[in-house]
Amino acid sequence: MKNSMKVGLKETITVEVTEEMLARFDGELVHPTYSTVALVYHMELVSRKLLLPHLEENEEGMGAAVSLKHLSPSGLGTKLEITATVTEVTERKVVTQVTASNSLGLIGKGEVVQGVLAKNMIESKIEKSIRNEMLEGVK
């Protein structure tokens, strides 16, 4: 990872709640509000956007952990601002604190941990996983 990745760096995205982001299970609408699943996605997205400019050519980031509290609902058409702030950087890990807000205030907060690995190491781990699954299926 480049030396440019530092604690305190921030990235913000703005999204508008769409039909696809509403709370559904098995295709059935549960609540006409922004889902926790969508919140996790946007937390990871903003954290990734923050990481990308700081990766070396041979590196890639991988999600390692997400924790969050979904505090308040946001309806269809609501505009959200989601901000990630770097709170910890090591040679192979970046931790961001993420907040999500609408016009009424904070709707969610949490943490995203991303591992930083060489691309060939990620490919090797994926191939090993696939081979293992294929061997398990033969038993």
C-alpha atoms as a PDB file:
ATOM      1  CA  MET A   1       0.000   0.000   0.000  1.00  0.00           C
ATOM      2  CA  LYS A   2       1.218   3.480  -0.785  1.00  0.00           C
ATOM      3  CA  ASN A   3       2.375   5.783   2.008  1.00  0.00           C
ATOM      4  CA  SER A   4      -0.451   8.144   1.046  1.00  0.00           C
ATOM      5  CA  MET A   5      -2.987   6.071   3.038  1.00  0.00           C
ATOM      6  CA  LYS A   6      -3.284   7.873   6.375  1.00  0.00           C
ATOM      7  CA  VAL A   7      -5.564   7.977   9.394  1.00  0.00           C
ATOM      8  CA  GLY A   8      -8.079  10.795   8.969  1.00  0.00           C
ATOM      9  CA  LEU A   9      -8.594  10.501   5.205  1.00  0.00           C
ATOM     10  CA  LYS A  10     -12.281  10.708   4.221  1.00  0.00           C
ATOM     11  CA  GLU A  11     -14.514   9.803   1.299  1.00  0.00           C
ATOM     12  CA  THR A  12     -18.217  10.594   0.906  1.00  0.00           C
ATOM     13  CA  ILE A  13     -20.820   9.243  -1.490  1.00  0.00           C
ATOM     14  CA  THR A  14     -24.368  10.463  -1.988  1.00  0.00           C
ATOM     15  CA  VAL A  15     -27.138   8.040  -2.919  1.00  0.00           C
ATOM     16  CA  GLU A  16     -30.863   8.278  -3.412  1.00  0.00           C
ATOM     17  CA  VAL A  17     -32.951   5.419  -2.017  1.00  0.00           C
ATOM     18  CA  THR A  18     -34.413   3.435  -4.936  1.00  0.00           C
ATOM     19  CA  GLU A  19     -36.864   0.523  -5.149  1.00  0.00           C
ATOM     20  CA  GLU A  20     -33.925  -1.918  -5.339  1.00  0.00           C
ATOM     21  CA  MET A  21     -32.625  -0.660  -1.985  1.00  0.00           C
ATOM     22  CA  LEU A  22     -35.839  -1.290  -0.041  1.00  0.00           C
ATOM     23  CA  ALA A  23     -36.085  -3.975   2.647  1.00  0.00           C
ATOM     24  CA  ARG A  24     -37.065  -7.260   0.950  1.00  0.00           C
ATOM     25  CA  PHE A  25     -36.752 -10.943   1.752  1.00  0.00           C
ATOM     26  CA  ASP A  26     -37.240 -13.566  -0.951  1.00  0.00           C
ATOM     27  CA  GLY A  27     -38.500 -10.801  -3.233  1.00  0.00           C
ATOM     28  CA  GLU A  28     -41.246  -9.731  -0.819  1.00  0.00           C
ATOM     29  CA  LEU A  29     -41.269  -6.123   0.389  1.00  0.00           C
ATOM     30  CA  VAL A  30     -41.066  -6.062   4.187  1.00  0.00           C
ATOM     31  CA  HIS A  31     -40.750  -2.306   4.775  1.00  0.00           C
ATOM     32  CA  PRO A  32     -40.728   0.506   2.206  1.00  0.00           C
ATOM     33  CA  THR A  33     -37.449   1.781   3.683  1.00  0.00           C
ATOM     34  CA  TYR A  34     -33.733   1.650   2.948  1.00  0.00           C
ATOM     35  CA  SER A  35     -32.570  -1.849   3.843  1.00  0.00           C
ATOM     36  CA  THR A  36     -29.737  -2.827   6.127  1.00  0.00           C
ATOM     37  CA  VAL A  37     -28.363  -4.881   3.221  1.00  0.00           C
ATOM     38  CA  ALA A  38     -28.142  -1.722   1.100  1.00  0.00           C
ATOM     39  CA  LEU A  39     -26.501   0.132   3.986  1.00  0.00           C
ATOM     40  CA  VAL A  40     -23.812  -2.561   4.285  1.00  0.00           C
ATOM     41  CA  TYR A  41     -23.230  -2.368   0.515  1.00  0.00           C
ATOM     42  CA  HIS A  42     -22.823   1.413   0.585  1.00  0.00           C
ATOM     43  CA  MET A  43     -20.551   1.246   3.642  1.00  0.00           C
ATOM     44  CA  GLU A  44     -18.276  -1.172   1.798  1.00  0.00           C
ATOM     45  CA  LEU A  45     -18.499   0.871  -1.415  1.00  0.00           C
ATOM     46  CA  VAL A  46     -17.441   4.163   0.166  1.00  0.00           C
ATOM     47  CA  SER A  47     -14.643   2.417   2.080  1.00  0.00           C
ATOM     48  CA  ARG A  48     -13.396   0.787  -1.145  1.00  0.00           C
ATOM     49  CA  LYS A  49     -13.476   4.123  -2.998  1.00  0.00           C
ATOM     50  CA  LEU A  50     -11.332   5.513  -0.208  1.00  0.00           C
ATOM     51  CA  LEU A  51      -8.818   2.648  -0.488  1.00  0.00           C
ATOM     52  CA  LEU A  52      -8.438   2.348  -4.276  1.00  0.00           C
ATOM     53  CA  PRO A  53      -6.149   5.345  -4.973  1.00  0.00           C
ATOM     54  CA  HIS A  54      -3.710   4.080  -2.329  1.00  0.00           C
ATOM     55  CA  LEU A  55      -3.210   0.535  -3.651  1.00  0.00           C
ATOM     56  CA  GLU A  56      -0.067  -0.492  -5.474  1.00  0.00           C
ATOM     57  CA  GLU A  57      -0.457  -1.929  -9.000  1.00  0.00           C
ATOM     58  CA  ASN A  58      -0.164  -5.518  -7.748  1.00  0.00           C
ATOM     59  CA  GLU A  59      -2.540  -5.107  -4.769  1.00  0.00           C
ATOM     60  CA  GLU A  60      -6.253  -5.482  -4.199  1.00  0.00           C
ATOM     61  CA  GLY A  61      -8.517  -4.853  -1.249  1.00  0.00           C
ATOM     62  CA  MET A  62     -10.845  -7.479   0.192  1.00  0.00           C
ATOM     63  CA  GLY A  63     -13.635  -7.002   2.676  1.00  0.00           C
ATOM     64  CA  ALA A  64     -12.729  -8.621   5.990  1.00  0.00           C
ATOM     65  CA  ALA A  65     -15.386  -7.362   8.416  1.00  0.00           C
ATOM     66  CA  VAL A  66     -18.387  -5.074   8.662  1.00  0.00           C
ATOM     67  CA  SER A  67     -20.182  -4.033  11.815  1.00  0.00           C
ATOM     68  CA  LEU A  68     -23.030  -1.567  11.919  1.00  0.00           C
ATOM     69  CA  LYS A  69     -25.985  -0.149  13.754  1.00  0.00           C
ATOM     70  CA  HIS A  70     -28.930   0.779  11.545  1.00  0.00           C
ATOM     71  CA  LEU A  71     -30.463   3.513  13.680  1.00  0.00           C
ATOM     72  CA  SER A  72     -33.292   5.074  11.695  1.00  0.00           C
ATOM     73  CA  PRO A  73     -35.354   4.472   8.543  1.00  0.00           C
ATOM     74  CA  SER A  74     -35.118   6.312   5.214  1.00  0.00           C
ATOM     75  CA  GLY A  75     -37.915   6.118   2.688  1.00  0.00           C
ATOM     76  CA  LEU A  76     -37.967   5.816  -1.081  1.00  0.00           C
ATOM     77  CA  GLY A  77     -36.406   8.863  -2.738  1.00  0.00           C
ATOM     78  CA  THR A  78     -34.514   9.933   0.383  1.00  0.00           C
ATOM     79  CA  LYS A  79     -31.044  11.311  -0.274  1.00  0.00           C
ATOM     80  CA  LEU A  80     -28.300   9.807   1.875  1.00  0.00           C
ATOM     81  CA  GLU A  81     -24.750  10.894   2.550  1.00  0.00           C
ATOM     82  CA  ILE A  82     -22.384   8.083   3.508  1.00  0.00           C
ATOM     83  CA  THR A  83     -18.905   8.989   4.767  1.00  0.00           C
ATOM     84  CA  ALA A  84     -15.937   6.733   5.530  1.00  0.00           C
ATOM     85  CA  THR A  85     -13.037   7.963   7.640  1.00  0.00           C
ATOM     86  CA  VAL A  86      -9.791   6.001   8.014  1.00  0.00           C
ATOM     87  CA  THR A  87      -9.155   5.190  11.683  1.00  0.00           C
ATOM     88  CA  GLU A  88      -6.408   2.561  11.401  1.00  0.00           C
ATOM     89  CA  VAL A  89      -3.801   1.624   8.805  1.00  0.00           C
ATOM     90  CA  THR A  90      -1.336  -1.250   8.891  1.00  0.00           C
ATOM     91  CA  GLU A  91       0.703  -2.810   6.119  1.00  0.00           C
ATOM     92  CA  ARG A  92      -2.153  -5.178   5.220  1.00  0.00           C
ATOM     93  CA  LYS A  93      -5.286  -3.635   6.748  1.00  0.00           C
ATOM     94  CA  VAL A  94      -7.378  -0.470   6.575  1.00  0.00           C
ATOM     95  CA  VAL A  95     -10.178   0.253   9.044  1.00  0.00           C
ATOM     96  CA  THR A  96     -12.803   2.904   8.363  1.00  0.00           C
ATOM     97  CA  GLN A  97     -15.545   4.326  10.542  1.00  0.00           C
ATOM     98  CA  VAL A  98     -18.623   4.945   8.419  1.00  0.00           C
ATOM     99  CA  THR A  99     -21.640   7.160   9.037  1.00  0.00           C
ATOM    100  CA  ALA A 100     -24.837   7.406   7.015  1.00  0.00           C
ATOM    101  CA  SER A 101     -27.181  10.382   7.297  1.00  0.00           C
ATOM    102  CA  ASN A 102     -30.336  11.754   5.712  1.00  0.00           C
ATOM    103  CA  SER A 103     -31.856  15.226   6.068  1.00  0.00           C
ATOM    104  CA  LEU A 104     -33.112  14.329   9.548  1.00  0.00           C
ATOM    105  CA  GLY A 105     -29.743  13.152  10.870  1.00  0.00           C
ATOM    106  CA  LEU A 106     -27.735  10.016  11.496  1.00  0.00           C
ATOM    107  CA  ILE A 107     -29.371   6.792  10.241  1.00  0.00           C
ATOM    108  CA  GLY A 108     -26.471   4.381  10.610  1.00  0.00           C
ATOM    109  CA  LYS A 109     -22.907   3.999  11.771  1.00  0.00           C
ATOM    110  CA  GLY A 110     -20.330   1.283  11.768  1.00  0.00           C
ATOM    111  CA  GLU A 111     -16.921   0.011  10.830  1.00  0.00           C
ATOM    112  CA  VAL A 112     -15.455  -1.619   7.717  1.00  0.00           C
ATOM    113  CA  VAL A 113     -12.208  -3.594   7.743  1.00  0.00           C
ATOM    114  CA  GLN A 114     -10.446  -4.230   4.438  1.00  0.00           C
ATOM    115  CA  GLY A 115      -7.494  -6.523   3.953  1.00  0.00           C
ATOM    116  CA  VAL A 116      -4.856  -5.530   1.413  1.00  0.00           C
ATOM    117  CA  LEU A 117      -3.275  -8.462  -0.421  1.00  0.00           C
ATOM    118  CA  ALA A 118      -1.229  -9.125  -3.515  1.00  0.00           C
ATOM    119  CA  LYS A 119      -3.539  -9.943  -6.431  1.00  0.00           C
ATOM    120  CA  ASN A 120      -1.767 -13.254  -7.059  1.00  0.00           C
ATOM    121  CA  MET A 121      -2.287 -14.257  -3.411  1.00  0.00           C
ATOM    122  CA  ILE A 122      -6.035 -13.608  -3.737  1.00  0.00           C
ATOM    123  CA  GLU A 123      -6.182 -15.650  -6.953  1.00  0.00           C
ATOM    124  CA  SER A 124      -4.323 -18.496  -5.244  1.00  0.00           C
ATOM    125  CA  LYS A 125      -6.733 -18.502  -2.291  1.00  0.00           C
ATOM    126  CA  ILE A 126      -9.743 -18.548  -4.635  1.00  0.00           C
ATOM    127  CA  GLU A 127      -8.310 -21.412  -6.702  1.00  0.00           C
ATOM    128  CA  LYS A 128      -7.548 -23.393  -3.527  1.00  0.00           C
ATOM    129  CA  SER A 129     -11.115 -22.862  -2.333  1.00  0.00           C
ATOM    130  CA  ILE A 130     -12.553 -24.052  -5.657  1.00  0.00           C
ATOM    131  CA  ARG A 131     -10.313 -27.139  -5.736  1.00  0.00           C
ATOM    132  CA  ASN A 132     -11.320 -27.978  -2.172  1.00  0.00           C
ATOM    133  CA  GLU A 133     -15.030 -27.705  -3.039  1.00  0.00           C
ATOM    134  CA  MET A 134     -14.544 -29.943  -6.076  1.00  0.00           C
ATOM    135  CA  LEU A 135     -12.751 -32.551  -3.933  1.00  0.00           C
ATOM    136  CA  GLU A 136     -15.499 -32.402  -1.294  1.00  0.00           C
ATOM    137  CA  GLY A 137     -18.069 -33.074  -4.017  1.00  0.00           C
ATOM    138  CA  VAL A 138     -16.226 -36.252  -5.088  1.00  0.00           C
ATOM    139  CA  LYS A 139     -16.455 -37.860  -1.634  1.00  0.00           C
END
